Amino acid sequence: MPAQATCHLKSLSPISFSKHYEVEKLEKESANDYEKRTWRERCHYDKDGVVFIPPMAFKWSIADAGKFLGEKIAGRRGATFTKHFESGVLVLDGLSLGVHKDKIEGETLFVPSDGKHGSGSRVTKIFPIVYQWSGTMVYHVIDSTITKDVFHRHVKESGNFIGLLRFRPRRGGVYGRFSVESLDWQSE
């Protein structure tokens, strides 16, 4: 039976953004000046400029937790929950962080110019960062194979070991970690 899982989440580490963006470069503008002018465009933000964590970040975090845990389904000859979390959980709305993109803080880093760890050429980039965040996320669990207990274990571990967005644990970082403060499970 489909269910709606409403989770109150609280940050365990900062969250940082690295959304791709394209903004016209001004005539005779240096690469550094362009970076200083446009770095906030790496945020996800709504029509009013309020920064949010996109719903797909939560969707893929819990799906990755399914792969990471590899938990077996009882009575299914070694089948795991992986595909059930990939296709059986929907997240339709993002999590507003309540800060306008023009007020967000930045973290200046010297990073590979091509974005690949270990490559030779490096450039200075500024990444938007929010040090503490919390909010309520609604997950729609449409696959009845996923019970409340199974969901709770997976969403908890997605916050511990997978994370969200730039420099998350799943990619060798430490940002985007969260705890599940509460879980309300309602059958739909």
C-alpha atoms as a PDB file:
ATOM      1  CA  MET A   1       0.000   0.000   0.000  1.00  0.00           C
ATOM      2  CA  PRO A   2       1.462   3.421  -0.947  1.00  0.00           C
ATOM      3  CA  ALA A   3       2.458   5.715   1.900  1.00  0.00           C
ATOM      4  CA  GLN A   4       3.625   9.229   2.599  1.00  0.00           C
ATOM      5  CA  ALA A   5       6.675   9.593   4.838  1.00  0.00           C
ATOM      6  CA  THR A   6       7.060  13.055   6.347  1.00  0.00           C
ATOM      7  CA  CYS A   7      10.541  13.510   7.798  1.00  0.00           C
ATOM      8  CA  HIS A   8      11.913  16.386   9.810  1.00  0.00           C
ATOM      9  CA  LEU A   9      15.595  16.654   8.881  1.00  0.00           C
ATOM     10  CA  LYS A  10      18.387  18.547  10.603  1.00  0.00           C
ATOM     11  CA  SER A  11      21.874  19.193   9.265  1.00  0.00           C
ATOM     12  CA  LEU A  12      24.863  17.276  10.606  1.00  0.00           C
ATOM     13  CA  SER A  13      27.183  19.225   8.308  1.00  0.00           C
ATOM     14  CA  PRO A  14      26.996  22.247   5.984  1.00  0.00           C
ATOM     15  CA  ILE A  15      25.437  21.938   2.559  1.00  0.00           C
ATOM     16  CA  SER A  16      27.078  23.369  -0.549  1.00  0.00           C
ATOM     17  CA  PHE A  17      25.860  23.919  -4.103  1.00  0.00           C
ATOM     18  CA  SER A  18      27.511  23.396  -7.478  1.00  0.00           C
ATOM     19  CA  LYS A  19      24.680  23.697 -10.001  1.00  0.00           C
ATOM     20  CA  HIS A  20      25.796  24.252 -13.586  1.00  0.00           C
ATOM     21  CA  TYR A  21      24.905  27.692 -14.887  1.00  0.00           C
ATOM     22  CA  GLU A  22      25.473  29.841 -17.931  1.00  0.00           C
ATOM     23  CA  VAL A  23      25.664  33.604 -17.601  1.00  0.00           C
ATOM     24  CA  GLU A  24      27.007  35.866 -20.329  1.00  0.00           C
ATOM     25  CA  LYS A  25      30.503  37.129 -19.677  1.00  0.00           C
ATOM     26  CA  LEU A  26      30.790  40.917 -19.800  1.00  0.00           C
ATOM     27  CA  GLU A  27      33.025  42.526 -22.367  1.00  0.00           C
ATOM     28  CA  LYS A  28      36.671  42.437 -21.176  1.00  0.00           C
ATOM     29  CA  GLU A  29      35.649  40.713 -17.922  1.00  0.00           C
ATOM     30  CA  SER A  30      38.391  38.536 -16.419  1.00  0.00           C
ATOM     31  CA  ALA A  31      37.705  34.963 -15.307  1.00  0.00           C
ATOM     32  CA  ASN A  32      38.123  36.026 -11.652  1.00  0.00           C
ATOM     33  CA  ASP A  33      35.732  38.954 -12.019  1.00  0.00           C
ATOM     34  CA  TYR A  34      33.205  36.692 -13.750  1.00  0.00           C
ATOM     35  CA  GLU A  35      33.467  34.202 -10.860  1.00  0.00           C
ATOM     36  CA  LYS A  36      32.999  36.937  -8.248  1.00  0.00           C
ATOM     37  CA  ARG A  37      29.939  38.276 -10.103  1.00  0.00           C
ATOM     38  CA  THR A  38      28.173  34.994 -10.861  1.00  0.00           C
ATOM     39  CA  TRP A  39      29.034  32.369  -8.187  1.00  0.00           C
ATOM     40  CA  ARG A  40      25.627  32.608  -6.487  1.00  0.00           C
ATOM     41  CA  GLU A  41      24.114  31.131  -9.647  1.00  0.00           C
ATOM     42  CA  ARG A  42      25.435  27.752  -8.421  1.00  0.00           C
ATOM     43  CA  CYS A  43      22.507  27.749  -5.949  1.00  0.00           C
ATOM     44  CA  HIS A  44      19.135  26.256  -6.650  1.00  0.00           C
ATOM     45  CA  TYR A  45      16.618  29.020  -5.979  1.00  0.00           C
ATOM     46  CA  ASP A  46      12.947  29.734  -6.589  1.00  0.00           C
ATOM     47  CA  LYS A  47      11.349  32.622  -8.508  1.00  0.00           C
ATOM     48  CA  ASP A  48      11.789  34.867  -5.452  1.00  0.00           C
ATOM     49  CA  GLY A  49      15.497  34.024  -5.132  1.00  0.00           C
ATOM     50  CA  VAL A  50      15.060  31.840  -2.023  1.00  0.00           C
ATOM     51  CA  VAL A  51      17.601  28.985  -1.959  1.00  0.00           C
ATOM     52  CA  PHE A  52      16.355  25.396  -1.778  1.00  0.00           C
ATOM     53  CA  ILE A  53      17.649  21.845  -1.918  1.00  0.00           C
ATOM     54  CA  PRO A  54      16.096  20.242  -5.018  1.00  0.00           C
ATOM     55  CA  PRO A  55      13.771  17.243  -4.579  1.00  0.00           C
ATOM     56  CA  MET A  56      15.927  14.987  -6.754  1.00  0.00           C
ATOM     57  CA  ALA A  57      18.848  15.396  -4.323  1.00  0.00           C
ATOM     58  CA  PHE A  58      16.724  13.644  -1.679  1.00  0.00           C
ATOM     59  CA  LYS A  59      15.401  11.087  -4.172  1.00  0.00           C
ATOM     60  CA  TRP A  60      18.879  10.044  -5.328  1.00  0.00           C
ATOM     61  CA  SER A  61      20.280  10.127  -1.804  1.00  0.00           C
ATOM     62  CA  ILE A  62      17.803   7.516  -0.581  1.00  0.00           C
ATOM     63  CA  ALA A  63      18.174   5.481  -3.799  1.00  0.00           C
ATOM     64  CA  ASP A  64      21.965   5.475  -3.269  1.00  0.00           C
ATOM     65  CA  ALA A  65      21.371   4.381   0.320  1.00  0.00           C
ATOM     66  CA  GLY A  66      19.525   1.366  -1.106  1.00  0.00           C
ATOM     67  CA  LYS A  67      22.635   0.444  -3.104  1.00  0.00           C
ATOM     68  CA  PHE A  68      24.975   1.239  -0.217  1.00  0.00           C
ATOM     69  CA  LEU A  69      23.120  -0.883   2.339  1.00  0.00           C
ATOM     70  CA  GLY A  70      22.332  -3.742  -0.049  1.00  0.00           C
ATOM     71  CA  GLU A  71      19.677  -4.935   2.395  1.00  0.00           C
ATOM     72  CA  LYS A  72      18.024  -8.194   1.320  1.00  0.00           C
ATOM     73  CA  ILE A  73      14.253  -8.605   1.000  1.00  0.00           C
ATOM     74  CA  ALA A  74      13.049 -11.489   3.172  1.00  0.00           C
ATOM     75  CA  GLY A  75      11.795 -14.431   1.116  1.00  0.00           C
ATOM     76  CA  ARG A  76      13.024 -13.087  -2.238  1.00  0.00           C
ATOM     77  CA  ARG A  77      16.154 -15.224  -2.839  1.00  0.00           C
ATOM     78  CA  GLY A  78      18.803 -12.548  -2.401  1.00  0.00           C
ATOM     79  CA  ALA A  79      16.877  -9.662  -3.967  1.00  0.00           C
ATOM     80  CA  THR A  80      17.702  -6.279  -2.430  1.00  0.00           C
ATOM     81  CA  PHE A  81      15.684  -3.079  -1.991  1.00  0.00           C
ATOM     82  CA  THR A  82      17.855  -1.152  -4.465  1.00  0.00           C
ATOM     83  CA  LYS A  83      15.448  -1.094  -7.425  1.00  0.00           C
ATOM     84  CA  HIS A  84      12.495  -0.500  -5.101  1.00  0.00           C
ATOM     85  CA  PHE A  85      14.073   2.715  -3.803  1.00  0.00           C
ATOM     86  CA  GLU A  86      15.134   3.781  -7.307  1.00  0.00           C
ATOM     87  CA  SER A  87      11.652   3.547  -8.800  1.00  0.00           C
ATOM     88  CA  GLY A  88       9.322   3.285  -5.810  1.00  0.00           C
ATOM     89  CA  VAL A  89      10.053   6.528  -3.951  1.00  0.00           C
ATOM     90  CA  LEU A  90       9.107   9.976  -5.229  1.00  0.00           C
ATOM     91  CA  VAL A  91      10.092  13.358  -3.823  1.00  0.00           C
ATOM     92  CA  LEU A  92       8.056  16.114  -5.418  1.00  0.00           C
ATOM     93  CA  ASP A  93       9.069  19.271  -3.554  1.00  0.00           C
ATOM     94  CA  GLY A  94      12.403  20.745  -2.556  1.00  0.00           C
ATOM     95  CA  LEU A  95      13.436  21.945   0.892  1.00  0.00           C
ATOM     96  CA  SER A  96      13.523  25.737   1.249  1.00  0.00           C
ATOM     97  CA  LEU A  97      16.489  26.971   3.262  1.00  0.00           C
ATOM     98  CA  GLY A  98      14.887  30.361   3.904  1.00  0.00           C
ATOM     99  CA  VAL A  99      17.871  32.396   2.710  1.00  0.00           C
ATOM    100  CA  HIS A 100      17.913  34.622  -0.380  1.00  0.00           C
ATOM    101  CA  LYS A 101      20.646  33.801  -2.884  1.00  0.00           C
ATOM    102  CA  ASP A 102      22.024  37.345  -2.555  1.00  0.00           C
ATOM    103  CA  LYS A 103      22.562  36.772   1.197  1.00  0.00           C
ATOM    104  CA  ILE A 104      24.139  33.315   1.008  1.00  0.00           C
ATOM    105  CA  GLU A 105      27.735  32.831   2.126  1.00  0.00           C
ATOM    106  CA  GLY A 106      30.461  31.569  -0.193  1.00  0.00           C
ATOM    107  CA  GLU A 107      33.388  29.218   0.243  1.00  0.00           C
ATOM    108  CA  THR A 108      36.429  30.063  -1.902  1.00  0.00           C
ATOM    109  CA  LEU A 109      38.400  27.029  -3.056  1.00  0.00           C
ATOM    110  CA  PHE A 110      41.275  26.307  -5.434  1.00  0.00           C
ATOM    111  CA  VAL A 111      39.827  23.441  -7.494  1.00  0.00           C
ATOM    112  CA  PRO A 112      40.618  21.476 -10.677  1.00  0.00           C
ATOM    113  CA  SER A 113      39.555  23.537 -13.693  1.00  0.00           C
ATOM    114  CA  ASP A 114      37.896  20.518 -15.323  1.00  0.00           C
ATOM    115  CA  GLY A 115      36.203  19.362 -12.095  1.00  0.00           C
ATOM    116  CA  LYS A 116      38.168  16.098 -12.035  1.00  0.00           C
ATOM    117  CA  HIS A 117      40.078  15.146  -8.904  1.00  0.00           C
ATOM    118  CA  GLY A 118      43.809  14.971  -9.525  1.00  0.00           C
ATOM    119  CA  SER A 119      43.903  16.859 -12.822  1.00  0.00           C
ATOM    120  CA  GLY A 120      46.707  19.379 -13.229  1.00  0.00           C
ATOM    121  CA  SER A 121      45.136  22.752 -13.962  1.00  0.00           C
ATOM    122  CA  ARG A 122      43.455  24.576 -11.053  1.00  0.00           C
ATOM    123  CA  VAL A 123      41.298  27.702 -10.702  1.00  0.00           C
ATOM    124  CA  THR A 124      39.677  29.653  -7.881  1.00  0.00           C
ATOM    125  CA  LYS A 125      35.929  29.057  -7.544  1.00  0.00           C
ATOM    126  CA  ILE A 126      33.387  30.222  -4.995  1.00  0.00           C
ATOM    127  CA  PHE A 127      30.740  27.730  -3.867  1.00  0.00           C
ATOM    128  CA  PRO A 128      27.550  28.737  -2.033  1.00  0.00           C
ATOM    129  CA  ILE A 129      27.350  27.191   1.444  1.00  0.00           C
ATOM    130  CA  VAL A 130      24.763  27.012   4.242  1.00  0.00           C
ATOM    131  CA  TYR A 131      26.279  25.960   7.556  1.00  0.00           C
ATOM    132  CA  GLN A 132      23.116  24.891   9.388  1.00  0.00           C
ATOM    133  CA  TRP A 133      19.801  23.897   7.885  1.00  0.00           C
ATOM    134  CA  SER A 134      16.672  21.934   8.720  1.00  0.00           C
ATOM    135  CA  GLY A 135      13.182  21.345   7.429  1.00  0.00           C
ATOM    136  CA  THR A 136      10.466  18.891   6.581  1.00  0.00           C
ATOM    137  CA  MET A 137      10.609  16.615   3.536  1.00  0.00           C
ATOM    138  CA  VAL A 138       7.779  14.505   2.173  1.00  0.00           C
ATOM    139  CA  TYR A 139       8.661  11.229   0.468  1.00  0.00           C
ATOM    140  CA  HIS A 140       5.947   9.385  -1.477  1.00  0.00           C
ATOM    141  CA  VAL A 141       6.576   5.658  -1.109  1.00  0.00           C
ATOM    142  CA  ILE A 142       4.619   4.052  -3.946  1.00  0.00           C
ATOM    143  CA  ASP A 143       6.240   0.610  -3.721  1.00  0.00           C
ATOM    144  CA  SER A 144       4.599  -1.431  -0.957  1.00  0.00           C
ATOM    145  CA  THR A 145       7.735  -3.593  -0.659  1.00  0.00           C
ATOM    146  CA  ILE A 146       9.199  -0.671   1.297  1.00  0.00           C
ATOM    147  CA  THR A 147       7.805  -0.750   4.836  1.00  0.00           C
ATOM    148  CA  LYS A 148       8.064   2.015   7.423  1.00  0.00           C
ATOM    149  CA  ASP A 149      10.984   0.307   9.188  1.00  0.00           C
ATOM    150  CA  VAL A 150      12.866  -0.313   5.935  1.00  0.00           C
ATOM    151  CA  PHE A 151      12.280   3.276   4.818  1.00  0.00           C
ATOM    152  CA  HIS A 152      13.394   4.669   8.177  1.00  0.00           C
ATOM    153  CA  ARG A 153      16.694   2.726   8.102  1.00  0.00           C
ATOM    154  CA  HIS A 154      17.396   3.856   4.549  1.00  0.00           C
ATOM    155  CA  VAL A 155      16.551   7.539   5.004  1.00  0.00           C
ATOM    156  CA  LYS A 156      18.620   7.600   8.208  1.00  0.00           C
ATOM    157  CA  GLU A 157      21.645   6.090   6.447  1.00  0.00           C
ATOM    158  CA  SER A 158      21.174   8.360   3.418  1.00  0.00           C
ATOM    159  CA  GLY A 159      21.786  11.249   5.818  1.00  0.00           C
ATOM    160  CA  ASN A 160      24.742   9.555   7.500  1.00  0.00           C
ATOM    161  CA  PHE A 161      26.658   8.034   4.575  1.00  0.00           C
ATOM    162  CA  ILE A 162      25.301   9.405   1.290  1.00  0.00           C
ATOM    163  CA  GLY A 163      24.460  13.090   1.840  1.00  0.00           C
ATOM    164  CA  LEU A 164      23.260  15.773  -0.546  1.00  0.00           C
ATOM    165  CA  LEU A 165      24.782  17.959  -3.273  1.00  0.00           C
ATOM    166  CA  ARG A 166      28.434  19.098  -3.511  1.00  0.00           C
ATOM    167  CA  PHE A 167      31.186  17.389  -1.512  1.00  0.00           C
ATOM    168  CA  ARG A 168      28.826  14.781  -0.032  1.00  0.00           C
ATOM    169  CA  PRO A 169      30.094  11.568   1.632  1.00  0.00           C
ATOM    170  CA  ARG A 170      29.009   9.420  -1.341  1.00  0.00           C
ATOM    171  CA  ARG A 171      31.598  11.302  -3.394  1.00  0.00           C
ATOM    172  CA  GLY A 172      34.317  11.375  -0.719  1.00  0.00           C
ATOM    173  CA  GLY A 173      33.272  14.583   1.019  1.00  0.00           C
ATOM    174  CA  VAL A 174      31.690  15.581   4.306  1.00  0.00           C
ATOM    175  CA  TYR A 175      28.923  18.069   3.386  1.00  0.00           C
ATOM    176  CA  GLY A 176      25.190  17.506   3.007  1.00  0.00           C
ATOM    177  CA  ARG A 177      24.841  15.093   5.941  1.00  0.00           C
ATOM    178  CA  PHE A 178      21.625  15.149   7.988  1.00  0.00           C
ATOM    179  CA  SER A 179      19.787  13.402  10.802  1.00  0.00           C
ATOM    180  CA  VAL A 180      16.161  12.304  10.772  1.00  0.00           C
ATOM    181  CA  GLU A 181      14.634  13.998  13.819  1.00  0.00           C
ATOM    182  CA  SER A 182      11.169  12.522  13.276  1.00  0.00           C
ATOM    183  CA  LEU A 183       9.256  10.350  10.810  1.00  0.00           C
ATOM    184  CA  ASP A 184       5.499  10.334  10.319  1.00  0.00           C
ATOM    185  CA  TRP A 185       4.253   7.432   8.149  1.00  0.00           C
ATOM    186  CA  GLN A 186       0.752   7.739   6.666  1.00  0.00           C
ATOM    187  CA  SER A 187      -0.823   5.201   4.326  1.00  0.00           C
ATOM    188  CA  GLU A 188      -2.276   6.850   1.226  1.00  0.00           C
END
